[in-house]
Amino acid sequence: MGLAVAIQDSTDFAALITDAPDAPVGGRIKRVFDFCAGVCAVVLVAPLLLLLSLLILFMDGGPVLIRHMRVGRGGAKFSCYKFRSMVVNGDEVLRAHLASNPAALEEWTLTRKLALDPRVTQLGRILRKTSLDELPQLFNIIAGDMSFVGPRPIVEEEIYRYGSAFREYRRARPGLTGRWQVSGRNDTGYDQRVALDQDYVANWSFARDLVILMLTVPAVIKARGVY
């Protein structure tokens, strides 16, 4: 049976998301690194952030940033920031696409992702392929909602799919990058993603974080598993 087994007992599920979590993975050293490196990164990429904001505004119109609710350390929800890479009426476009395409509906049901997503704009495809759409998450890192390295940020509906593995997930702040991002991203199955998150928490070390950060650069350049 896979790791992402749904929790059937509602009492067990309630306890899973309300029990006090253990001390955060990495402790103070990880948090200090995230804050200092995050501030430095924002200063360095500020011109790029401005350029991308203007491109989105003039090419696609509408809001520059989007906020997705994600589950963070201890099960707390937070707003995860990204550059907008989809059309403004994305929900309507998705519903129409899934209603007329059974194969896409099956893919969406299994992974909550689409290899050929009709909602993604032309500029958005470039932003996603290069992971530039995730740059605003630097502000999440500075605020303490996220870390440079950690588990893949999940939405509340995914807690059921994590099952008991959610106990490990909530010990860490979600990461801008992590084991999943350097292991093929969307090419990995869901259970494998969960296993990678569990392994990260169980075997955390600062040196391992630095290795993952270094591996992220070639992973982004190759754009493997990105869509």
Protein backbone atom coordinates (compact mmCIF):
# COMPACT_ATOMS: atom_id res chain seq x y z
CA MET A 1 0.00 0.00 0.00
CA GLY A 2 1.38 3.41 -0.96
CA LEU A 3 2.41 6.12 1.44
CA ALA A 4 -0.30 8.50 0.26
CA VAL A 5 -3.14 6.42 1.70
CA ALA A 6 -6.24 8.36 2.66
CA ILE A 7 -7.10 8.49 6.33
CA GLN A 8 -10.52 6.93 6.71
CA ASP A 9 -11.17 7.60 10.39
CA SER A 10 -12.24 11.23 10.85
CA THR A 11 -11.07 11.22 14.48
CA ASP A 12 -7.59 10.10 13.47
CA PHE A 13 -7.56 12.76 10.76
CA ALA A 14 -8.58 15.50 13.19
CA ALA A 15 -5.81 14.46 15.57
CA LEU A 16 -3.31 14.38 12.74
CA ILE A 17 -3.86 18.05 11.84
CA THR A 18 -4.29 19.41 15.37
CA ASP A 19 -1.63 17.61 17.42
CA ALA A 20 1.23 19.89 18.42
CA PRO A 21 4.08 19.36 15.93
CA ASP A 22 7.61 18.52 16.95
CA ALA A 23 10.34 21.15 16.87
CA PRO A 24 10.84 22.55 13.34
CA VAL A 25 13.34 20.78 11.16
CA GLY A 26 16.66 22.62 11.11
CA GLY A 27 15.86 24.78 14.10
CA ARG A 28 17.36 28.25 14.46
CA ILE A 29 20.30 27.73 12.07
CA LYS A 30 17.95 26.96 9.19
CA ARG A 31 15.70 29.93 9.97
CA VAL A 32 18.60 32.39 10.25
CA PHE A 33 20.01 31.17 6.94
CA ASP A 34 16.60 31.48 5.25
CA PHE A 35 16.04 35.03 6.47
CA CYS A 36 19.52 36.35 5.64
CA ALA A 37 19.75 34.59 2.28
CA GLY A 38 16.17 35.61 1.45
CA VAL A 39 16.84 39.31 2.05
CA CYS A 40 20.03 39.15 -0.01
CA ALA A 41 18.24 37.32 -2.82
CA VAL A 42 15.41 39.89 -2.99
CA VAL A 43 17.93 42.71 -3.24
CA LEU A 44 19.85 40.92 -6.01
CA VAL A 45 16.81 39.99 -8.12
CA ALA A 46 14.81 43.18 -7.52
CA PRO A 47 15.37 44.42 -11.13
CA LEU A 48 14.21 41.03 -12.46
CA LEU A 49 11.14 41.09 -10.23
CA LEU A 50 10.24 44.52 -11.61
CA LEU A 51 10.85 43.45 -15.22
CA LEU A 52 8.71 40.32 -14.92
CA SER A 53 5.93 42.31 -13.23
CA LEU A 54 5.86 44.77 -16.13
CA LEU A 55 5.89 41.98 -18.73
CA ILE A 56 2.92 40.24 -17.12
CA LEU A 57 1.06 43.52 -16.77
CA PHE A 58 1.53 44.61 -20.37
CA MET A 59 1.35 41.22 -22.10
CA ASP A 60 -1.50 39.60 -20.19
CA GLY A 61 -3.15 42.35 -18.17
CA GLY A 62 -4.81 41.62 -14.86
CA PRO A 63 -3.01 40.96 -11.57
CA VAL A 64 0.73 40.35 -11.55
CA LEU A 65 0.77 38.09 -8.51
CA ILE A 66 -1.48 35.26 -7.40
CA ARG A 67 -1.93 33.83 -3.93
CA HIS A 68 -2.53 30.13 -3.33
CA MET A 69 -3.45 28.85 0.12
CA ARG A 70 -0.95 26.21 1.16
CA VAL A 71 -0.38 24.13 4.30
CA GLY A 72 2.76 25.02 6.20
CA ARG A 73 4.60 23.96 9.34
CA GLY A 74 2.32 22.67 12.04
CA GLY A 75 -0.55 22.46 9.58
CA ALA A 76 -1.01 26.26 9.52
CA LYS A 77 -2.30 27.77 6.28
CA PHE A 78 -0.46 30.56 4.51
CA SER A 79 -0.69 32.51 1.24
CA CYS A 80 1.96 31.25 -1.19
CA TYR A 81 2.92 33.90 -3.75
CA LYS A 82 3.67 33.34 -7.43
CA PHE A 83 3.83 35.38 -10.58
CA ARG A 84 0.59 34.82 -12.47
CA SER A 85 1.16 32.35 -15.30
CA MET A 86 -2.49 31.58 -16.15
CA VAL A 87 -5.38 33.41 -17.76
CA VAL A 88 -7.58 35.41 -15.41
CA ASN A 89 -10.63 33.16 -15.97
CA GLY A 90 -8.62 30.00 -15.36
CA ASP A 91 -11.32 28.15 -13.40
CA GLU A 92 -13.83 28.50 -16.25
CA VAL A 93 -11.27 27.42 -18.84
CA LEU A 94 -10.31 24.37 -16.76
CA ARG A 95 -13.91 23.27 -16.21
CA ALA A 96 -14.68 23.49 -19.93
CA HIS A 97 -11.49 21.62 -20.85
CA LEU A 98 -12.08 18.77 -18.39
CA ALA A 99 -15.73 18.47 -19.42
CA SER A 100 -14.77 17.92 -23.05
CA ASN A 101 -11.60 15.86 -22.55
CA PRO A 102 -11.91 12.57 -20.60
CA ALA A 103 -8.16 11.89 -20.75
CA ALA A 104 -7.40 15.29 -19.25
CA LEU A 105 -10.03 14.70 -16.55
CA GLU A 106 -8.36 11.41 -15.59
CA GLU A 107 -4.93 13.07 -15.52
CA TRP A 108 -6.26 15.90 -13.36
CA THR A 109 -8.00 13.53 -10.97
CA LEU A 110 -4.81 11.52 -10.43
CA THR A 111 -2.21 14.29 -10.22
CA ARG A 112 -4.03 17.64 -9.99
CA LYS A 113 -1.82 18.74 -12.89
CA LEU A 114 -2.05 18.80 -16.68
CA ALA A 115 0.84 18.33 -19.08
CA LEU A 116 -1.03 20.51 -21.59
CA ASP A 117 -2.81 23.04 -19.43
CA PRO A 118 -5.06 25.37 -21.47
CA ARG A 119 -5.02 27.97 -18.69
CA VAL A 120 -1.31 28.73 -19.00
CA THR A 121 -0.42 31.85 -20.99
CA GLN A 122 2.40 32.08 -23.51
CA LEU A 123 4.52 34.09 -21.08
CA GLY A 124 3.39 31.79 -18.28
CA ARG A 125 4.91 28.77 -20.03
CA ILE A 126 8.28 30.50 -20.05
CA LEU A 127 7.95 31.51 -16.42
CA ARG A 128 7.09 27.95 -15.40
CA LYS A 129 9.77 26.31 -17.53
CA THR A 130 12.41 28.51 -15.91
CA SER A 131 10.73 28.47 -12.45
CA LEU A 132 10.74 32.28 -12.50
CA ASP A 133 7.07 32.23 -11.50
CA GLU A 134 8.18 31.12 -8.03
CA LEU A 135 10.49 34.06 -7.33
CA PRO A 136 7.85 35.92 -5.22
CA GLN A 137 8.09 33.06 -2.73
CA LEU A 138 11.27 34.75 -1.54
CA PHE A 139 8.94 36.99 0.44
CA ASN A 140 7.30 33.88 1.95
CA ILE A 141 10.76 32.75 3.02
CA ILE A 142 11.59 36.08 4.65
CA ALA A 143 8.24 36.02 6.46
CA GLY A 144 8.94 32.53 7.82
CA ASP A 145 6.13 30.74 5.97
CA MET A 146 8.57 28.85 3.76
CA SER A 147 12.20 27.80 3.60
CA PHE A 148 14.67 27.70 0.73
CA VAL A 149 14.67 23.90 1.04
CA GLY A 150 11.79 21.78 2.28
CA PRO A 151 8.84 19.60 1.31
CA ARG A 152 6.72 20.51 -1.71
CA PRO A 153 3.98 22.97 -0.57
CA ILE A 154 0.62 21.20 -0.54
CA VAL A 155 -3.00 22.31 -0.45
CA GLU A 156 -5.38 21.24 2.30
CA GLU A 157 -7.04 18.59 0.12
CA GLU A 158 -3.72 16.76 -0.20
CA ILE A 159 -3.45 16.05 3.53
CA TYR A 160 -5.67 13.00 3.05
CA ARG A 161 -3.36 11.73 0.33
CA TYR A 162 -0.33 12.12 2.59
CA GLY A 163 -1.99 10.04 5.28
CA SER A 164 0.20 9.44 8.31
CA ALA A 165 3.16 10.93 6.40
CA PHE A 166 1.63 14.34 7.09
CA ARG A 167 3.12 14.13 10.58
CA GLU A 168 6.57 14.44 9.00
CA TYR A 169 5.47 17.04 6.46
CA ARG A 170 4.22 19.48 9.08
CA ARG A 171 7.54 19.39 10.97
CA ALA A 172 9.17 21.42 8.19
CA ARG A 173 8.46 24.68 6.43
CA PRO A 174 7.58 24.03 2.77
CA GLY A 175 10.48 24.70 0.43
CA LEU A 176 11.11 26.86 -2.61
CA THR A 177 13.08 23.83 -3.71
CA GLY A 178 13.54 20.33 -2.31
CA ARG A 179 14.05 16.65 -3.00
CA TRP A 180 11.04 16.60 -5.34
CA GLN A 181 12.25 19.52 -7.45
CA VAL A 182 15.67 17.95 -8.07
CA SER A 183 14.26 14.47 -8.65
CA GLY A 184 12.20 15.03 -11.78
CA ARG A 185 9.30 17.10 -10.41
CA ASN A 186 6.16 16.13 -12.36
CA ASP A 187 7.89 12.99 -13.68
CA THR A 188 7.67 11.49 -10.19
CA GLY A 189 4.56 9.70 -8.94
CA TYR A 190 2.59 11.05 -5.99
CA ASP A 191 3.65 8.35 -3.55
CA GLN A 192 7.26 9.00 -4.51
CA ARG A 193 6.80 12.70 -3.78
CA VAL A 194 5.51 11.83 -0.32
CA ALA A 195 8.41 9.45 0.27
CA LEU A 196 10.89 12.16 -0.74
CA ASP A 197 9.33 14.58 1.74
CA GLN A 198 9.49 11.97 4.52
CA ASP A 199 13.12 11.21 3.74
CA TYR A 200 14.00 14.90 3.76
CA VAL A 201 12.54 15.44 7.23
CA ALA A 202 13.95 12.20 8.68
CA ASN A 203 17.48 12.83 7.38
CA TRP A 204 17.76 16.61 7.48
CA SER A 205 21.15 18.26 7.72
CA PHE A 206 22.34 21.74 6.79
CA ALA A 207 24.91 20.23 4.44
CA ARG A 208 22.14 18.32 2.67
CA ASP A 209 20.18 21.56 2.23
CA LEU A 210 23.22 23.13 0.54
CA VAL A 211 23.55 20.14 -1.78
CA ILE A 212 19.88 20.38 -2.79
CA LEU A 213 20.30 24.11 -3.46
CA MET A 214 23.27 23.40 -5.72
CA LEU A 215 21.39 20.62 -7.55
CA THR A 216 18.45 22.97 -8.12
CA VAL A 217 20.42 25.10 -10.60
CA PRO A 218 21.03 22.33 -13.19
CA ALA A 219 17.51 20.97 -12.56
CA VAL A 220 16.02 24.36 -13.49
CA ILE A 221 18.28 24.69 -16.54
CA LYS A 222 17.27 21.25 -17.80
CA ALA A 223 13.60 22.01 -16.94
CA ARG A 224 13.05 18.27 -16.44
CA GLY A 225 9.55 17.34 -15.42
CA VAL A 226 8.26 20.92 -15.69
CA TYR A 227 4.92 21.76 -17.27
